[in-house]
PDB file of all heavy atoms in Angstrom:
ATOM      1  N   ALA A   1     -11.478   4.025 -73.683  1.00  0.00           N
ATOM      2  CA  ALA A   1     -12.729   3.355 -73.238  1.00  0.00           C
ATOM      3  C   ALA A   1     -12.878   3.589 -71.743  1.00  0.00           C
ATOM      4  O   ALA A   1     -14.010   3.740 -71.171  1.00  0.00           O
ATOM      5  CB  ALA A   1     -12.665   1.871 -73.524  1.00  0.00           C
ATOM      6  N   PHE A   2     -11.826   3.562 -70.986  1.00  0.00           N
ATOM      7  CA  PHE A   2     -11.921   3.824 -69.510  1.00  0.00           C
ATOM      8  C   PHE A   2     -12.377   5.265 -69.334  1.00  0.00           C
ATOM      9  O   PHE A   2     -13.227   5.574 -68.476  1.00  0.00           O
ATOM     10  CB  PHE A   2     -10.569   3.584 -68.882  1.00  0.00           C
ATOM     11  CG  PHE A   2     -10.499   2.254 -68.186  1.00  0.00           C
ATOM     12  CD1 PHE A   2     -10.421   1.126 -68.968  1.00  0.00           C
ATOM     13  CD2 PHE A   2     -10.405   2.128 -66.850  1.00  0.00           C
ATOM     14  CE1 PHE A   2     -10.253  -0.160 -68.457  1.00  0.00           C
ATOM     15  CE2 PHE A   2     -10.203   0.798 -66.226  1.00  0.00           C
ATOM     16  CZ  PHE A   2     -10.222  -0.272 -67.153  1.00  0.00           C
ATOM     17  N   LYS A   3     -11.762   6.220 -70.022  1.00  0.00           N
ATOM     18  CA  LYS A   3     -12.143   7.615 -69.873  1.00  0.00           C
ATOM     19  C   LYS A   3     -13.646   7.820 -70.125  1.00  0.00           C
ATOM     20  O   LYS A   3     -14.316   8.553 -69.367  1.00  0.00           O
ATOM     21  CB  LYS A   3     -11.353   8.532 -70.870  1.00  0.00           C
ATOM     22  CG  LYS A   3     -11.612   9.923 -70.815  1.00  0.00           C
ATOM     23  CD  LYS A   3     -10.719  10.697 -71.872  1.00  0.00           C
ATOM     24  CE  LYS A   3     -11.086  12.231 -71.819  1.00  0.00           C
ATOM     25  NZ  LYS A   3     -10.295  12.888 -72.860  1.00  0.00           N
ATOM     26  N   ARG A   4     -14.138   7.213 -71.194  1.00  0.00           N
ATOM     27  CA  ARG A   4     -15.527   7.330 -71.548  1.00  0.00           C
ATOM     28  C   ARG A   4     -16.424   6.725 -70.505  1.00  0.00           C
ATOM     29  O   ARG A   4     -17.639   7.054 -70.396  1.00  0.00           O
ATOM     30  CB  ARG A   4     -15.847   6.786 -72.938  1.00  0.00           C
ATOM     31  CG  ARG A   4     -15.161   7.548 -74.043  1.00  0.00           C
ATOM     32  CD  ARG A   4     -15.515   6.921 -75.432  1.00  0.00           C
ATOM     33  NE  ARG A   4     -14.965   7.763 -76.506  1.00  0.00           N
ATOM     34  CZ  ARG A   4     -15.475   7.837 -77.741  1.00  0.00           C
ATOM     35  NH1 ARG A   4     -16.599   7.235 -77.993  1.00  0.00           N
ATOM     36  NH2 ARG A   4     -14.879   8.621 -78.614  1.00  0.00           N
ATOM     37  N   SER A   5     -15.909   5.652 -69.868  1.00  0.00           N
ATOM     38  CA  SER A   5     -16.723   4.987 -68.804  1.00  0.00           C
ATOM     39  C   SER A   5     -16.621   5.597 -67.486  1.00  0.00           C
ATOM     40  O   SER A   5     -17.257   5.074 -66.466  1.00  0.00           O
ATOM     41  CB  SER A   5     -16.137   3.436 -68.656  1.00  0.00           C
ATOM     42  OG  SER A   5     -16.220   2.871 -69.946  1.00  0.00           O
ATOM     43  N   GLY A   6     -15.873   6.661 -67.370  1.00  0.00           N
ATOM     44  CA  GLY A   6     -15.674   7.339 -66.068  1.00  0.00           C
ATOM     45  C   GLY A   6     -14.782   6.533 -65.107  1.00  0.00           C
ATOM     46  O   GLY A   6     -14.926   6.687 -63.873  1.00  0.00           O
ATOM     47  N   LEU A   7     -13.903   5.771 -65.648  1.00  0.00           N
ATOM     48  CA  LEU A   7     -13.022   4.909 -64.826  1.00  0.00           C
ATOM     49  C   LEU A   7     -11.583   5.443 -65.042  1.00  0.00           C
ATOM     50  O   LEU A   7     -11.242   6.156 -65.973  1.00  0.00           O
ATOM     51  CB  LEU A   7     -13.147   3.459 -65.312  1.00  0.00           C
ATOM     52  CG  LEU A   7     -14.528   2.819 -65.187  1.00  0.00           C
ATOM     53  CD1 LEU A   7     -14.588   1.471 -65.889  1.00  0.00           C
ATOM     54  CD2 LEU A   7     -14.923   2.695 -63.752  1.00  0.00           C
ATOM     55  N   GLN A   8     -10.716   4.944 -64.201  1.00  0.00           N
ATOM     56  CA  GLN A   8      -9.301   5.300 -64.285  1.00  0.00           C
ATOM     57  C   GLN A   8      -8.396   4.107 -64.334  1.00  0.00           C
ATOM     58  O   GLN A   8      -8.732   2.980 -63.746  1.00  0.00           O
ATOM     59  CB  GLN A   8      -8.868   6.151 -63.089  1.00  0.00           C
ATOM     60  CG  GLN A   8      -9.588   7.417 -62.916  1.00  0.00           C
ATOM     61  CD  GLN A   8      -9.135   8.157 -61.646  1.00  0.00           C
ATOM     62  OE1 GLN A   8      -7.952   8.575 -61.602  1.00  0.00           O
ATOM     63  NE2 GLN A   8      -9.943   8.308 -60.670  1.00  0.00           N
ATOM     64  N   CYS A   9      -7.330   4.080 -65.136  1.00  0.00           N
ATOM     65  CA  CYS A   9      -6.422   2.963 -65.215  1.00  0.00           C
ATOM     66  C   CYS A   9      -4.987   3.474 -65.437  1.00  0.00           C
ATOM     67  O   CYS A   9      -4.805   4.557 -65.900  1.00  0.00           O
ATOM     68  CB  CYS A   9      -6.792   2.000 -66.324  1.00  0.00           C
ATOM     69  SG  CYS A   9      -6.634   2.712 -67.957  1.00  0.00           S
ATOM     70  N   GLU A  10      -4.044   2.587 -65.013  1.00  0.00           N
ATOM     71  CA  GLU A  10      -2.627   2.777 -65.261  1.00  0.00           C
ATOM     72  C   GLU A  10      -2.092   1.539 -65.876  1.00  0.00           C
ATOM     73  O   GLU A  10      -2.633   0.435 -65.659  1.00  0.00           O
ATOM     74  CB  GLU A  10      -1.879   3.083 -64.001  1.00  0.00           C
ATOM     75  CG  GLU A  10      -2.268   4.415 -63.284  1.00  0.00           C
ATOM     76  CD  GLU A  10      -1.539   4.644 -62.017  1.00  0.00           C
ATOM     77  OE1 GLU A  10      -0.894   3.634 -61.504  1.00  0.00           O
ATOM     78  OE2 GLU A  10      -1.551   5.746 -61.536  1.00  0.00           O
ATOM     79  N   PHE A  11      -1.122   1.626 -66.738  1.00  0.00           N
ATOM     80  CA  PHE A  11      -0.562   0.550 -67.468  1.00  0.00           C
ATOM     81  C   PHE A  11       0.803   0.142 -66.870  1.00  0.00           C
ATOM     82  O   PHE A  11       1.673   0.981 -66.764  1.00  0.00           O
ATOM     83  CB  PHE A  11      -0.513   0.762 -68.932  1.00  0.00           C
ATOM     84  CG  PHE A  11      -1.832   0.935 -69.542  1.00  0.00           C
ATOM     85  CD1 PHE A  11      -2.461   2.203 -69.618  1.00  0.00           C
ATOM     86  CD2 PHE A  11      -2.565  -0.189 -69.993  1.00  0.00           C
ATOM     87  CE1 PHE A  11      -3.698   2.315 -70.218  1.00  0.00           C
ATOM     88  CE2 PHE A  11      -3.793   0.045 -70.609  1.00  0.00           C
ATOM     89  CZ  PHE A  11      -4.374   1.217 -70.642  1.00  0.00           C
ATOM     90  N   GLN A  12       0.962  -1.134 -66.499  1.00  0.00           N
ATOM     91  CA  GLN A  12       2.145  -1.612 -65.916  1.00  0.00           C
ATOM     92  C   GLN A  12       2.867  -2.498 -66.919  1.00  0.00           C
ATOM     93  O   GLN A  12       2.301  -3.455 -67.519  1.00  0.00           O
ATOM     94  CB  GLN A  12       1.780  -2.445 -64.621  1.00  0.00           C
ATOM     95  CG  GLN A  12       1.142  -1.752 -63.549  1.00  0.00           C
ATOM     96  CD  GLN A  12       1.903  -0.589 -63.018  1.00  0.00           C
ATOM     97  OE1 GLN A  12       3.169  -0.618 -62.986  1.00  0.00           O
ATOM     98  NE2 GLN A  12       1.289   0.559 -62.670  1.00  0.00           N
ATOM     99  N   ARG A  13       4.100  -2.149 -67.249  1.00  0.00           N
ATOM    100  CA  ARG A  13       4.880  -2.969 -68.175  1.00  0.00           C
ATOM    101  C   ARG A  13       5.518  -4.205 -67.509  1.00  0.00           C
ATOM    102  O   ARG A  13       6.426  -4.003 -66.594  1.00  0.00           O
ATOM    103  CB  ARG A  13       5.886  -2.028 -68.901  1.00  0.00           C
ATOM    104  CG  ARG A  13       5.272  -0.912 -69.745  1.00  0.00           C
ATOM    105  CD  ARG A  13       6.212   0.029 -70.430  1.00  0.00           C
ATOM    106  NE  ARG A  13       5.637   0.977 -71.273  1.00  0.00           N
ATOM    107  CZ  ARG A  13       5.551   0.832 -72.588  1.00  0.00           C
ATOM    108  NH1 ARG A  13       6.133  -0.264 -73.181  1.00  0.00           N
ATOM    109  NH2 ARG A  13       4.951   1.691 -73.360  1.00  0.00           N
ATOM    110  N   VAL A  14       5.088  -5.303 -67.933  1.00  0.00           N
ATOM    111  CA  VAL A  14       5.689  -6.495 -67.383  1.00  0.00           C
ATOM    112  C   VAL A  14       5.976  -7.517 -68.554  1.00  0.00           C
ATOM    113  O   VAL A  14       5.418  -7.363 -69.662  1.00  0.00           O
ATOM    114  CB  VAL A  14       4.715  -7.153 -66.369  1.00  0.00           C
ATOM    115  CG1 VAL A  14       4.461  -6.259 -65.118  1.00  0.00           C
ATOM    116  CG2 VAL A  14       3.340  -7.483 -67.018  1.00  0.00           C
ATOM    117  N   PRO A  15       6.759  -8.547 -68.309  1.00  0.00           N
ATOM    118  CA  PRO A  15       7.018  -9.533 -69.404  1.00  0.00           C
ATOM    119  C   PRO A  15       5.672 -10.052 -69.914  1.00  0.00           C
ATOM    120  O   PRO A  15       4.795 -10.344 -69.118  1.00  0.00           O
ATOM    121  CB  PRO A  15       7.854 -10.552 -68.696  1.00  0.00           C
ATOM    122  CG  PRO A  15       8.555  -9.848 -67.593  1.00  0.00           C
ATOM    123  CD  PRO A  15       7.574  -8.826 -67.136  1.00  0.00           C
ATOM    124  N   LEU A  16       5.565 -10.281 -71.195  1.00  0.00           N
ATOM    125  CA  LEU A  16       4.346 -10.686 -71.879  1.00  0.00           C
ATOM    126  C   LEU A  16       3.817 -12.017 -71.219  1.00  0.00           C
ATOM    127  O   LEU A  16       2.601 -12.180 -71.009  1.00  0.00           O
ATOM    128  CB  LEU A  16       4.557 -10.949 -73.326  1.00  0.00           C
ATOM    129  CG  LEU A  16       3.269 -11.455 -74.178  1.00  0.00           C
ATOM    130  CD1 LEU A  16       2.179 -10.420 -74.082  1.00  0.00           C
ATOM    131  CD2 LEU A  16       3.727 -11.796 -75.532  1.00  0.00           C
ATOM    132  N   SER A  17       4.740 -12.878 -70.847  1.00  0.00           N
ATOM    133  CA  SER A  17       4.330 -14.225 -70.318  1.00  0.00           C
ATOM    134  C   SER A  17       3.754 -14.034 -68.881  1.00  0.00           C
ATOM    135  O   SER A  17       3.095 -14.943 -68.403  1.00  0.00           O
ATOM    136  CB  SER A  17       5.550 -15.182 -70.279  1.00  0.00           C
ATOM    137  OG  SER A  17       6.556 -14.660 -69.549  1.00  0.00           O
ATOM    138  N   ARG A  18       4.065 -12.893 -68.230  1.00  0.00           N
ATOM    139  CA  ARG A  18       3.666 -12.724 -66.781  1.00  0.00           C
ATOM    140  C   ARG A  18       2.324 -11.909 -66.737  1.00  0.00           C
ATOM    141  O   ARG A  18       1.581 -12.032 -65.713  1.00  0.00           O
ATOM    142  CB  ARG A  18       4.729 -11.982 -65.999  1.00  0.00           C
ATOM    143  CG  ARG A  18       6.013 -12.734 -65.875  1.00  0.00           C
ATOM    144  CD  ARG A  18       5.839 -13.804 -64.700  1.00  0.00           C
ATOM    145  NE  ARG A  18       5.441 -13.145 -63.334  1.00  0.00           N
ATOM    146  CZ  ARG A  18       4.906 -13.814 -62.484  1.00  0.00           C
ATOM    147  NH1 ARG A  18       4.533 -15.037 -62.577  1.00  0.00           N
ATOM    148  NH2 ARG A  18       4.598 -13.184 -61.316  1.00  0.00           N
ATOM    149  N   SER A  19       2.117 -11.114 -67.668  1.00  0.00           N
ATOM    150  CA  SER A  19       0.975 -10.133 -67.569  1.00  0.00           C
ATOM    151  C   SER A  19      -0.366 -10.860 -67.318  1.00  0.00           C
ATOM    152  O   SER A  19      -1.094 -10.433 -66.319  1.00  0.00           O
ATOM    153  CB  SER A  19       0.863  -9.235 -68.829  1.00  0.00           C
ATOM    154  OG  SER A  19      -0.148  -8.434 -68.684  1.00  0.00           O
ATOM    155  N   MET A  20      -0.735 -11.854 -68.041  1.00  0.00           N
ATOM    156  CA  MET A  20      -1.984 -12.527 -67.856  1.00  0.00           C
ATOM    157  C   MET A  20      -1.994 -13.359 -66.612  1.00  0.00           C
ATOM    158  O   MET A  20      -3.065 -13.467 -65.902  1.00  0.00           O
ATOM    159  CB  MET A  20      -2.304 -13.444 -69.025  1.00  0.00           C
ATOM    160  CG  MET A  20      -3.732 -13.930 -69.131  1.00  0.00           C
ATOM    161  SD  MET A  20      -4.877 -12.511 -69.288  1.00  0.00           S
ATOM    162  CE  MET A  20      -6.141 -13.302 -70.227  1.00  0.00           C
ATOM    163  N   ILE A  21      -0.855 -13.922 -66.151  1.00  0.00           N
ATOM    164  CA  ILE A  21      -0.765 -14.673 -64.917  1.00  0.00           C
ATOM    165  C   ILE A  21      -1.067 -13.689 -63.730  1.00  0.00           C
ATOM    166  O   ILE A  21      -1.868 -14.035 -62.821  1.00  0.00           O
ATOM    167  CB  ILE A  21       0.614 -15.278 -64.710  1.00  0.00           C
ATOM    168  CG1 ILE A  21       0.859 -16.327 -65.813  1.00  0.00           C
ATOM    169  CG2 ILE A  21       0.833 -15.800 -63.317  1.00  0.00           C
ATOM    170  CD1 ILE A  21       2.279 -16.851 -65.807  1.00  0.00           C
ATOM    171  N   LEU A  22      -0.545 -12.441 -63.797  1.00  0.00           N
ATOM    172  CA  LEU A  22      -0.763 -11.523 -62.705  1.00  0.00           C
ATOM    173  C   LEU A  22      -2.194 -10.969 -62.752  1.00  0.00           C
ATOM    174  O   LEU A  22      -2.751 -10.718 -61.648  1.00  0.00           O
ATOM    175  CB  LEU A  22       0.216 -10.391 -62.819  1.00  0.00           C
ATOM    176  CG  LEU A  22       1.709 -10.769 -62.658  1.00  0.00           C
ATOM    177  CD1 LEU A  22       2.547  -9.500 -63.047  1.00  0.00           C
ATOM    178  CD2 LEU A  22       1.927 -11.164 -61.265  1.00  0.00           C
ATOM    179  N   ALA A  23      -2.760 -10.843 -63.912  1.00  0.00           N
ATOM    180  CA  ALA A  23      -4.248 -10.506 -64.014  1.00  0.00           C
ATOM    181  C   ALA A  23      -5.133 -11.602 -63.452  1.00  0.00           C
ATOM    182  O   ALA A  23      -6.137 -11.310 -62.862  1.00  0.00           O
ATOM    183  CB  ALA A  23      -4.631 -10.093 -65.416  1.00  0.00           C
ATOM    184  N   ASN A  24      -4.739 -12.809 -63.723  1.00  0.00           N
ATOM    185  CA  ASN A  24      -5.590 -13.941 -63.308  1.00  0.00           C
ATOM    186  C   ASN A  24      -5.489 -14.139 -61.740  1.00  0.00           C
ATOM    187  O   ASN A  24      -6.518 -14.435 -61.173  1.00  0.00           O
ATOM    188  CB  ASN A  24      -5.067 -15.194 -63.950  1.00  0.00           C
ATOM    189  CG  ASN A  24      -5.983 -16.453 -63.721  1.00  0.00           C
ATOM    190  OD1 ASN A  24      -7.073 -16.376 -64.307  1.00  0.00           O
ATOM    191  ND2 ASN A  24      -5.404 -17.470 -63.084  1.00  0.00           N
ATOM    192  N   ASP A  25      -4.279 -13.899 -61.122  1.00  0.00           N
ATOM    193  CA  ASP A  25      -4.232 -14.084 -59.722  1.00  0.00           C
ATOM    194  C   ASP A  25      -4.613 -12.865 -58.883  1.00  0.00           C
ATOM    195  O   ASP A  25      -4.662 -12.820 -57.673  1.00  0.00           O
ATOM    196  CB  ASP A  25      -2.856 -14.638 -59.284  1.00  0.00           C
ATOM    197  CG  ASP A  25      -1.718 -13.587 -59.468  1.00  0.00           C
ATOM    198  OD1 ASP A  25      -1.999 -12.418 -59.518  1.00  0.00           O
ATOM    199  OD2 ASP A  25      -0.602 -13.977 -59.405  1.00  0.00           O
ATOM    200  N   GLY A  26      -4.872 -11.755 -59.606  1.00  0.00           N
ATOM    201  CA  GLY A  26      -5.371 -10.523 -58.976  1.00  0.00           C
ATOM    202  C   GLY A  26      -4.240  -9.544 -58.635  1.00  0.00           C
ATOM    203  O   GLY A  26      -4.588  -8.504 -58.085  1.00  0.00           O
ATOM    204  N   SER A  27      -3.046  -9.873 -58.876  1.00  0.00           N
ATOM    205  CA  SER A  27      -1.949  -8.929 -58.598  1.00  0.00           C
ATOM    206  C   SER A  27      -2.091  -7.765 -59.482  1.00  0.00           C
ATOM    207  O   SER A  27      -1.714  -6.652 -59.161  1.00  0.00           O
ATOM    208  CB  SER A  27      -0.599  -9.615 -58.833  1.00  0.00           C
ATOM    209  OG  SER A  27      -0.498 -10.729 -57.978  1.00  0.00           O
ATOM    210  N   LEU A  28      -2.586  -7.908 -60.670  1.00  0.00           N
ATOM    211  CA  LEU A  28      -2.961  -6.810 -61.596  1.00  0.00           C
ATOM    212  C   LEU A  28      -4.545  -6.941 -61.822  1.00  0.00           C
ATOM    213  O   LEU A  28      -5.075  -7.997 -61.592  1.00  0.00           O
ATOM    214  CB  LEU A  28      -2.270  -6.932 -63.001  1.00  0.00           C
ATOM    215  CG  LEU A  28      -0.737  -6.603 -62.969  1.00  0.00           C
ATOM    216  CD1 LEU A  28      -0.208  -6.947 -64.358  1.00  0.00           C
ATOM    217  CD2 LEU A  28      -0.478  -5.179 -62.594  1.00  0.00           C
ATOM    218  N   ASP A  29      -5.111  -5.813 -62.197  1.00  0.00           N
ATOM    219  CA  ASP A  29      -6.532  -5.791 -62.398  1.00  0.00           C
ATOM    220  C   ASP A  29      -6.945  -6.276 -63.817  1.00  0.00           C
ATOM    221  O   ASP A  29      -8.128  -6.599 -64.031  1.00  0.00           O
ATOM    222  CB  ASP A  29      -7.103  -4.465 -62.156  1.00  0.00           C
ATOM    223  CG  ASP A  29      -6.937  -3.965 -60.710  1.00  0.00           C
ATOM    224  OD1 ASP A  29      -7.359  -4.717 -59.794  1.00  0.00           O
ATOM    225  OD2 ASP A  29      -6.192  -2.930 -60.515  1.00  0.00           O
ATOM    226  N   GLY A  30      -6.061  -6.328 -64.726  1.00  0.00           N
ATOM    227  CA  GLY A  30      -6.386  -6.730 -66.108  1.00  0.00           C
ATOM    228  C   GLY A  30      -5.234  -6.855 -66.950  1.00  0.00           C
ATOM    229  O   GLY A  30      -4.084  -6.559 -66.640  1.00  0.00           O
ATOM    230  N   ASP A  31      -5.478  -7.386 -68.234  1.00  0.00           N
ATOM    231  CA  ASP A  31      -4.474  -7.451 -69.227  1.00  0.00           C
ATOM    232  C   ASP A  31      -4.966  -6.847 -70.505  1.00  0.00           C
ATOM    233  O   ASP A  31      -6.094  -6.997 -70.923  1.00  0.00           O
ATOM    234  CB  ASP A  31      -4.190  -8.982 -69.518  1.00  0.00           C
ATOM    235  CG  ASP A  31      -3.164  -9.203 -70.561  1.00  0.00           C
ATOM    236  OD1 ASP A  31      -3.462  -9.190 -71.733  1.00  0.00           O
ATOM    237  OD2 ASP A  31      -1.921  -9.289 -70.193  1.00  0.00           O
ATOM    238  N   VAL A  32      -4.095  -6.026 -71.160  1.00  0.00           N
ATOM    239  CA  VAL A  32      -4.557  -5.060 -72.223  1.00  0.00           C
ATOM    240  C   VAL A  32      -5.066  -5.814 -73.468  1.00  0.00           C
ATOM    241  O   VAL A  32      -6.033  -5.346 -74.082  1.00  0.00           O
ATOM    242  CB  VAL A  32      -3.495  -4.063 -72.583  1.00  0.00           C
ATOM    243  CG1 VAL A  32      -2.361  -4.737 -73.345  1.00  0.00           C
ATOM    244  CG2 VAL A  32      -4.032  -2.928 -73.261  1.00  0.00           C
ATOM    245  N   MET A  33      -4.484  -6.983 -73.780  1.00  0.00           N
ATOM    246  CA  MET A  33      -5.013  -7.660 -75.043  1.00  0.00           C
ATOM    247  C   MET A  33      -4.558  -9.142 -75.009  1.00  0.00           C
ATOM    248  O   MET A  33      -3.363  -9.436 -74.879  1.00  0.00           O
ATOM    249  CB  MET A  33      -4.503  -6.976 -76.268  1.00  0.00           C
ATOM    250  CG  MET A  33      -3.042  -6.925 -76.368  1.00  0.00           C
ATOM    251  SD  MET A  33      -2.475  -6.419 -77.984  1.00  0.00           S
ATOM    252  CE  MET A  33      -0.756  -7.084 -78.080  1.00  0.00           C
ATOM    253  N   ARG A  34      -5.458  -9.998 -75.324  1.00  0.00           N
ATOM    254  CA  ARG A  34      -5.213 -11.434 -75.466  1.00  0.00           C
ATOM    255  C   ARG A  34      -6.306 -12.002 -76.468  1.00  0.00           C
ATOM    256  O   ARG A  34      -7.283 -11.461 -76.672  1.00  0.00           O
ATOM    257  CB  ARG A  34      -5.309 -12.203 -74.245  1.00  0.00           C
ATOM    258  CG  ARG A  34      -4.366 -11.759 -73.159  1.00  0.00           C
ATOM    259  CD  ARG A  34      -2.908 -12.361 -73.387  1.00  0.00           C
ATOM    260  NE  ARG A  34      -1.878 -11.758 -72.569  1.00  0.00           N
ATOM    261  CZ  ARG A  34      -0.780 -12.258 -72.214  1.00  0.00           C
ATOM    262  NH1 ARG A  34      -0.448 -13.408 -72.627  1.00  0.00           N
ATOM    263  NH2 ARG A  34       0.112 -11.621 -71.506  1.00  0.00           N
ATOM    264  N   ILE A  35      -5.918 -13.136 -77.053  1.00  0.00           N
ATOM    265  CA  ILE A  35      -6.948 -13.851 -77.885  1.00  0.00           C
ATOM    266  C   ILE A  35      -8.075 -14.346 -76.998  1.00  0.00           C
ATOM    267  O   ILE A  35      -7.941 -14.493 -75.745  1.00  0.00           O
ATOM    268  CB  ILE A  35      -6.339 -15.086 -78.607  1.00  0.00           C
ATOM    269  CG1 ILE A  35      -5.750 -16.097 -77.614  1.00  0.00           C
ATOM    270  CG2 ILE A  35      -5.205 -14.590 -79.546  1.00  0.00           C
ATOM    271  CD1 ILE A  35      -5.214 -17.351 -78.389  1.00  0.00           C
ATOM    272  N   ALA A  36      -9.204 -14.592 -77.571  1.00  0.00           N
ATOM    273  CA  ALA A  36     -10.435 -14.998 -76.850  1.00  0.00           C
ATOM    274  C   ALA A  36     -10.177 -16.288 -76.060  1.00  0.00           C
ATOM    275  O   ALA A  36     -10.667 -16.505 -74.944  1.00  0.00           O
ATOM    276  CB  ALA A  36     -11.620 -15.149 -77.827  1.00  0.00           C
ATOM    277  N   ASP A  37      -9.358 -17.201 -76.641  1.00  0.00           N
ATOM    278  CA  ASP A  37      -9.158 -18.493 -75.925  1.00  0.00           C
ATOM    279  C   ASP A  37      -8.346 -18.374 -74.624  1.00  0.00           C
ATOM    280  O   ASP A  37      -8.292 -19.354 -73.860  1.00  0.00           O
ATOM    281  CB  ASP A  37      -8.373 -19.472 -76.868  1.00  0.00           C
ATOM    282  CG  ASP A  37      -9.291 -19.913 -78.083  1.00  0.00           C
ATOM    283  OD1 ASP A  37     -10.511 -19.686 -78.010  1.00  0.00           O
ATOM    284  OD2 ASP A  37      -8.736 -20.488 -79.011  1.00  0.00           O
ATOM    285  N   ALA A  38      -7.764 -17.227 -74.396  1.00  0.00           N
ATOM    286  CA  ALA A  38      -6.930 -17.092 -73.165  1.00  0.00           C
ATOM    287  C   ALA A  38      -7.792 -17.266 -71.871  1.00  0.00           C
ATOM    288  O   ALA A  38      -7.234 -17.893 -70.929  1.00  0.00           O
ATOM    289  CB  ALA A  38      -6.386 -15.654 -73.077  1.00  0.00           C
ATOM    290  N   ALA A  39      -9.038 -16.986 -71.946  1.00  0.00           N
ATOM    291  CA  ALA A  39      -9.933 -17.148 -70.738  1.00  0.00           C
ATOM    292  C   ALA A  39     -10.121 -18.561 -70.395  1.00  0.00           C
ATOM    293  O   ALA A  39     -10.609 -18.949 -69.348  1.00  0.00           O
ATOM    294  CB  ALA A  39     -11.207 -16.372 -70.857  1.00  0.00           C
ATOM    295  N   LYS A  40      -9.921 -19.581 -71.382  1.00  0.00           N
ATOM    296  CA  LYS A  40     -10.059 -20.937 -71.145  1.00  0.00           C
ATOM    297  C   LYS A  40      -8.917 -21.459 -70.173  1.00  0.00           C
ATOM    298  O   LYS A  40      -9.114 -22.381 -69.418  1.00  0.00           O
ATOM    299  CB  LYS A  40     -10.023 -21.702 -72.418  1.00  0.00           C
ATOM    300  CG  LYS A  40     -11.216 -21.428 -73.418  1.00  0.00           C
ATOM    301  CD  LYS A  40     -11.134 -22.260 -74.627  1.00  0.00           C
ATOM    302  CE  LYS A  40     -12.278 -21.909 -75.559  1.00  0.00           C
ATOM    303  NZ  LYS A  40     -12.131 -22.646 -76.850  1.00  0.00           N
ATOM    304  N   THR A  41      -7.734 -20.837 -70.329  1.00  0.00           N
ATOM    305  CA  THR A  41      -6.613 -21.230 -69.505  1.00  0.00           C
ATOM    306  C   THR A  41      -6.592 -20.418 -68.175  1.00  0.00           C
ATOM    307  O   THR A  41      -6.322 -20.967 -67.118  1.00  0.00           O
ATOM    308  CB  THR A  41      -5.347 -20.958 -70.278  1.00  0.00           C
ATOM    309  OG1 THR A  41      -5.275 -21.689 -71.506  1.00  0.00           O
ATOM    310  CG2 THR A  41      -4.106 -21.344 -69.410  1.00  0.00           C
TER     311      THR A  41
END
């Protein structure tokens, strides 16, 4: 999807419990997959 959008990304392997925390505080730019309700937290 990034390739088709003309964007670039790299994937950082981190503990599952940390990935969304880091995406939320801006240390990472995103998280590859979560349930829809994750954005409520």
